[in-house]
PDB file of all heavy atoms in Angstrom:
ATOM      1  N   GLY A   1       0.784  -1.233  -0.016  1.00  0.00           N
ATOM      2  CA  GLY A   1      -0.002  -0.023   0.007  1.00  0.00           C
ATOM      3  C   GLY A   1       0.824   1.301   0.011  1.00  0.00           C
ATOM      4  O   GLY A   1       0.349   2.337   0.395  1.00  0.00           O
ATOM      5  N   MET A   2       2.067   1.200  -0.440  1.00  0.00           N
ATOM      6  CA  MET A   2       2.907   2.387  -0.479  1.00  0.00           C
ATOM      7  C   MET A   2       2.804   3.081  -1.847  1.00  0.00           C
ATOM      8  O   MET A   2       2.366   2.463  -2.829  1.00  0.00           O
ATOM      9  CB  MET A   2       4.353   2.037  -0.154  1.00  0.00           C
ATOM     10  CG  MET A   2       4.999   1.014  -1.076  1.00  0.00           C
ATOM     11  SD  MET A   2       6.756   0.659  -0.660  1.00  0.00           S
ATOM     12  CE  MET A   2       6.592  -0.087   0.930  1.00  0.00           C
ATOM     13  N   SER A   3       3.238   4.308  -1.884  1.00  0.00           N
ATOM     14  CA  SER A   3       3.243   5.018  -3.167  1.00  0.00           C
ATOM     15  C   SER A   3       4.462   4.556  -3.992  1.00  0.00           C
ATOM     16  O   SER A   3       5.414   3.953  -3.445  1.00  0.00           O
ATOM     17  CB  SER A   3       3.351   6.524  -2.938  1.00  0.00           C
ATOM     18  OG  SER A   3       4.589   6.856  -2.402  1.00  0.00           O
ATOM     19  N   ALA A   4       4.455   4.861  -5.272  1.00  0.00           N
ATOM     20  CA  ALA A   4       5.598   4.511  -6.107  1.00  0.00           C
ATOM     21  C   ALA A   4       6.857   5.205  -5.636  1.00  0.00           C
ATOM     22  O   ALA A   4       7.957   4.636  -5.637  1.00  0.00           O
ATOM     23  CB  ALA A   4       5.295   4.887  -7.590  1.00  0.00           C
ATOM     24  N   ALA A   5       6.705   6.468  -5.168  1.00  0.00           N
ATOM     25  CA  ALA A   5       7.851   7.220  -4.704  1.00  0.00           C
ATOM     26  C   ALA A   5       8.433   6.553  -3.427  1.00  0.00           C
ATOM     27  O   ALA A   5       9.659   6.473  -3.275  1.00  0.00           O
ATOM     28  CB  ALA A   5       7.429   8.665  -4.386  1.00  0.00           C
ATOM     29  N   GLN A   6       7.556   6.079  -2.561  1.00  0.00           N
ATOM     30  CA  GLN A   6       8.045   5.377  -1.351  1.00  0.00           C
ATOM     31  C   GLN A   6       8.741   4.079  -1.725  1.00  0.00           C
ATOM     32  O   GLN A   6       9.772   3.754  -1.134  1.00  0.00           O
ATOM     33  CB  GLN A   6       6.851   5.106  -0.434  1.00  0.00           C
ATOM     34  CG  GLN A   6       6.291   6.341   0.253  1.00  0.00           C
ATOM     35  CD  GLN A   6       4.999   6.001   1.024  1.00  0.00           C
ATOM     36  OE1 GLN A   6       4.165   5.215   0.541  1.00  0.00           O
ATOM     37  NE2 GLN A   6       4.860   6.624   2.171  1.00  0.00           N
ATOM     38  N   ALA A   7       8.174   3.344  -2.685  1.00  0.00           N
ATOM     39  CA  ALA A   7       8.766   2.094  -3.107  1.00  0.00           C
ATOM     40  C   ALA A   7      10.150   2.353  -3.704  1.00  0.00           C
ATOM     41  O   ALA A   7      11.120   1.606  -3.464  1.00  0.00           O
ATOM     42  CB  ALA A   7       7.873   1.360  -4.112  1.00  0.00           C
ATOM     43  N   GLU A   8      10.270   3.375  -4.557  1.00  0.00           N
ATOM     44  CA  GLU A   8      11.569   3.683  -5.168  1.00  0.00           C
ATOM     45  C   GLU A   8      12.581   4.145  -4.126  1.00  0.00           C
ATOM     46  O   GLU A   8      13.777   3.795  -4.215  1.00  0.00           O
ATOM     47  CB  GLU A   8      11.361   4.776  -6.230  1.00  0.00           C
ATOM     48  CG  GLU A   8      10.582   4.250  -7.449  1.00  0.00           C
ATOM     49  CD  GLU A   8      10.277   5.362  -8.446  1.00  0.00           C
ATOM     50  OE1 GLU A   8      10.508   6.543  -8.089  1.00  0.00           O
ATOM     51  OE2 GLU A   8       9.773   5.056  -9.548  1.00  0.00           O
ATOM     52  N   ALA A   9      12.128   4.897  -3.128  1.00  0.00           N
ATOM     53  CA  ALA A   9      13.055   5.315  -2.083  1.00  0.00           C
ATOM     54  C   ALA A   9      13.541   4.128  -1.268  1.00  0.00           C
ATOM     55  O   ALA A   9      14.721   4.063  -0.882  1.00  0.00           O
ATOM     56  CB  ALA A   9      12.334   6.328  -1.129  1.00  0.00           C
ATOM     57  N   GLY A  10      12.649   3.155  -1.036  1.00  0.00           N
ATOM     58  CA  GLY A  10      13.067   1.942  -0.346  1.00  0.00           C
ATOM     59  C   GLY A  10      14.085   1.147  -1.143  1.00  0.00           C
ATOM     60  O   GLY A  10      15.054   0.620  -0.574  1.00  0.00           O
ATOM     61  N   GLU A  11      13.869   1.104  -2.457  1.00  0.00           N
ATOM     62  CA  GLU A  11      14.887   0.393  -3.303  1.00  0.00           C
ATOM     63  C   GLU A  11      16.212   1.125  -3.310  1.00  0.00           C
ATOM     64  O   GLU A  11      17.250   0.492  -3.323  1.00  0.00           O
ATOM     65  CB  GLU A  11      14.318   0.257  -4.708  1.00  0.00           C
ATOM     66  CG  GLU A  11      13.267  -0.823  -4.883  1.00  0.00           C
ATOM     67  CD  GLU A  11      13.875  -2.213  -4.721  1.00  0.00           C
ATOM     68  OE1 GLU A  11      14.555  -2.673  -5.624  1.00  0.00           O
ATOM     69  OE2 GLU A  11      13.667  -2.796  -3.643  1.00  0.00           O
ATOM     70  N   ASP A  12      16.159   2.434  -3.284  1.00  0.00           N
ATOM     71  CA  ASP A  12      17.390   3.203  -3.244  1.00  0.00           C
ATOM     72  C   ASP A  12      18.162   2.923  -1.950  1.00  0.00           C
ATOM     73  O   ASP A  12      19.397   2.789  -1.928  1.00  0.00           O
ATOM     74  CB  ASP A  12      17.101   4.698  -3.368  1.00  0.00           C
ATOM     75  CG  ASP A  12      16.657   5.089  -4.769  1.00  0.00           C
ATOM     76  OD1 ASP A  12      16.923   4.308  -5.706  1.00  0.00           O
ATOM     77  OD2 ASP A  12      16.023   6.160  -4.907  1.00  0.00           O
ATOM     78  N   ASN A  13      17.407   2.839  -0.862  1.00  0.00           N
ATOM     79  CA  ASN A  13      18.062   2.542   0.434  1.00  0.00           C
ATOM     80  C   ASN A  13      18.660   1.160   0.428  1.00  0.00           C
ATOM     81  O   ASN A  13      19.796   0.958   0.897  1.00  0.00           O
ATOM     82  CB  ASN A  13      17.013   2.639   1.586  1.00  0.00           C
ATOM     83  CG  ASN A  13      17.604   2.241   2.909  1.00  0.00           C
ATOM     84  OD1 ASN A  13      18.602   2.784   3.368  1.00  0.00           O
ATOM     85  ND2 ASN A  13      16.960   1.275   3.543  1.00  0.00           N
ATOM     86  N   LEU A  14      17.938   0.188  -0.127  1.00  0.00           N
ATOM     87  CA  LEU A  14      18.480  -1.189  -0.212  1.00  0.00           C
ATOM     88  C   LEU A  14      19.725  -1.203  -1.084  1.00  0.00           C
ATOM     89  O   LEU A  14      20.669  -1.948  -0.795  1.00  0.00           O
ATOM     90  CB  LEU A  14      17.418  -2.119  -0.772  1.00  0.00           C
ATOM     91  CG  LEU A  14      16.370  -2.612   0.234  1.00  0.00           C
ATOM     92  CD1 LEU A  14      15.163  -3.172  -0.471  1.00  0.00           C
ATOM     93  CD2 LEU A  14      16.977  -3.636   1.161  1.00  0.00           C
ATOM     94  N   GLY A  15      19.711  -0.432  -2.161  1.00  0.00           N
ATOM     95  CA  GLY A  15      20.877  -0.378  -3.045  1.00  0.00           C
ATOM     96  C   GLY A  15      22.100   0.142  -2.285  1.00  0.00           C
ATOM     97  O   GLY A  15      23.223  -0.363  -2.472  1.00  0.00           O
ATOM     98  N   ALA A  16      21.894   1.127  -1.446  1.00  0.00           N
ATOM     99  CA  ALA A  16      22.997   1.691  -0.650  1.00  0.00           C
ATOM    100  C   ALA A  16      23.498   0.675   0.390  1.00  0.00           C
ATOM    101  O   ALA A  16      24.707   0.543   0.598  1.00  0.00           O
ATOM    102  CB  ALA A  16      22.524   2.954   0.040  1.00  0.00           C
ATOM    103  N   GLN A  17      22.561  -0.045   1.027  1.00  0.00           N
ATOM    104  CA  GLN A  17      22.939  -1.046   2.021  1.00  0.00           C
ATOM    105  C   GLN A  17      23.745  -2.173   1.337  1.00  0.00           C
ATOM    106  O   GLN A  17      24.731  -2.676   1.896  1.00  0.00           O
ATOM    107  CB  GLN A  17      21.684  -1.627   2.661  1.00  0.00           C
ATOM    108  CG  GLN A  17      20.847  -0.647   3.429  1.00  0.00           C
ATOM    109  CD  GLN A  17      21.227  -0.528   4.863  1.00  0.00           C
ATOM    110  OE1 GLN A  17      22.149  -1.204   5.332  1.00  0.00           O
ATOM    111  NE2 GLN A  17      20.516   0.323   5.612  1.00  0.00           N
ATOM    112  N   ALA A  18      23.278  -2.598   0.158  1.00  0.00           N
ATOM    113  CA  ALA A  18      24.010  -3.640  -0.573  1.00  0.00           C
ATOM    114  C   ALA A  18      25.392  -3.167  -0.962  1.00  0.00           C
ATOM    115  O   ALA A  18      26.396  -3.900  -0.833  1.00  0.00           O
ATOM    116  CB  ALA A  18      23.208  -4.066  -1.800  1.00  0.00           C
ATOM    117  N   ALA A  19      25.511  -1.947  -1.455  1.00  0.00           N
ATOM    118  CA  ALA A  19      26.785  -1.413  -1.897  1.00  0.00           C
ATOM    119  C   ALA A  19      27.769  -1.377  -0.736  1.00  0.00           C
ATOM    120  O   ALA A  19      28.992  -1.602  -0.918  1.00  0.00           O
ATOM    121  CB  ALA A  19      26.589  -0.021  -2.495  1.00  0.00           C
ATOM    122  N   ALA A  20      27.290  -1.068   0.470  1.00  0.00           N
ATOM    123  CA  ALA A  20      28.135  -1.029   1.623  1.00  0.00           C
ATOM    124  C   ALA A  20      28.766  -2.384   1.941  1.00  0.00           C
ATOM    125  O   ALA A  20      29.819  -2.486   2.582  1.00  0.00           O
ATOM    126  CB  ALA A  20      27.363  -0.513   2.820  1.00  0.00           C
ATOM    127  N   GLU A  21      28.109  -3.446   1.471  1.00  0.00           N
ATOM    128  CA  GLU A  21      28.621  -4.793   1.675  1.00  0.00           C
ATOM    129  C   GLU A  21      29.377  -5.336   0.447  1.00  0.00           C
ATOM    130  O   GLU A  21      29.706  -6.523   0.364  1.00  0.00           O
ATOM    131  CB  GLU A  21      27.486  -5.770   2.017  1.00  0.00           C
ATOM    132  CG  GLU A  21      26.655  -5.370   3.215  1.00  0.00           C
ATOM    133  CD  GLU A  21      27.456  -5.185   4.498  1.00  0.00           C
ATOM    134  OE1 GLU A  21      28.485  -5.913   4.642  1.00  0.00           O
ATOM    135  OE2 GLU A  21      27.127  -4.323   5.319  1.00  0.00           O
ATOM    136  N   GLY A  22      29.579  -4.451  -0.547  1.00  0.00           N
ATOM    137  CA  GLY A  22      30.290  -4.850  -1.757  1.00  0.00           C
ATOM    138  C   GLY A  22      29.430  -5.601  -2.725  1.00  0.00           C
ATOM    139  O   GLY A  22      29.956  -6.287  -3.616  1.00  0.00           O
ATOM    140  N   LEU A  23      28.114  -5.443  -2.637  1.00  0.00           N
ATOM    141  CA  LEU A  23      27.183  -6.150  -3.504  1.00  0.00           C
ATOM    142  C   LEU A  23      26.584  -5.204  -4.566  1.00  0.00           C
ATOM    143  O   LEU A  23      26.267  -4.070  -4.286  1.00  0.00           O
ATOM    144  CB  LEU A  23      26.027  -6.752  -2.701  1.00  0.00           C
ATOM    145  CG  LEU A  23      26.380  -7.729  -1.578  1.00  0.00           C
ATOM    146  CD1 LEU A  23      25.139  -8.077  -0.752  1.00  0.00           C
ATOM    147  CD2 LEU A  23      26.988  -9.007  -2.171  1.00  0.00           C
ATOM    148  N   ASP A  24      26.438  -5.730  -5.761  1.00  0.00           N
ATOM    149  CA  ASP A  24      25.754  -4.977  -6.828  1.00  0.00           C
ATOM    150  C   ASP A  24      24.253  -5.114  -6.627  1.00  0.00           C
ATOM    151  O   ASP A  24      23.739  -6.179  -6.224  1.00  0.00           O
ATOM    152  CB  ASP A  24      26.125  -5.512  -8.206  1.00  0.00           C
ATOM    153  CG  ASP A  24      27.594  -5.232  -8.523  1.00  0.00           C
ATOM    154  OD1 ASP A  24      28.091  -4.191  -8.059  1.00  0.00           O
ATOM    155  OD2 ASP A  24      28.206  -6.047  -9.257  1.00  0.00           O
ATOM    156  N   TYR A  25      23.520  -4.053  -6.935  1.00  0.00           N
ATOM    157  CA  TYR A  25      22.069  -4.064  -6.731  1.00  0.00           C
ATOM    158  C   TYR A  25      21.410  -3.094  -7.708  1.00  0.00           C
ATOM    159  O   TYR A  25      21.708  -1.894  -7.718  1.00  0.00           O
ATOM    160  CB  TYR A  25      21.724  -3.643  -5.277  1.00  0.00           C
ATOM    161  CG  TYR A  25      20.301  -3.825  -4.868  1.00  0.00           C
ATOM    162  CD1 TYR A  25      19.906  -4.935  -4.144  1.00  0.00           C
ATOM    163  CD2 TYR A  25      19.315  -2.876  -5.206  1.00  0.00           C
ATOM    164  CE1 TYR A  25      18.617  -5.114  -3.726  1.00  0.00           C
ATOM    165  CE2 TYR A  25      18.003  -3.054  -4.816  1.00  0.00           C
ATOM    166  CZ  TYR A  25      17.659  -4.145  -4.060  1.00  0.00           C
ATOM    167  OH  TYR A  25      16.317  -4.309  -3.652  1.00  0.00           O
ATOM    168  N   ARG A  26      20.506  -3.632  -8.542  1.00  0.00           N
ATOM    169  CA  ARG A  26      19.775  -2.787  -9.495  1.00  0.00           C
ATOM    170  C   ARG A  26      18.516  -2.248  -8.790  1.00  0.00           C
ATOM    171  O   ARG A  26      17.638  -3.008  -8.401  1.00  0.00           O
ATOM    172  CB  ARG A  26      19.358  -3.595 -10.723  1.00  0.00           C
ATOM    173  CG  ARG A  26      20.564  -4.061 -11.550  1.00  0.00           C
ATOM    174  CD  ARG A  26      20.096  -4.895 -12.748  1.00  0.00           C
ATOM    175  NE  ARG A  26      19.338  -4.136 -13.699  1.00  0.00           N
ATOM    176  CZ  ARG A  26      18.140  -4.486 -14.165  1.00  0.00           C
ATOM    177  NH1 ARG A  26      17.532  -5.548 -13.751  1.00  0.00           N
ATOM    178  NH2 ARG A  26      17.547  -3.691 -15.061  1.00  0.00           N
TER     179      ARG A  26
END
């Protein structure tokens, strides 16, 4: 039930978390 903007922000956060562990994330 989130907005598209909220979903995209969540994906951006996950991308940053993955990058901090040396993982690639689209």
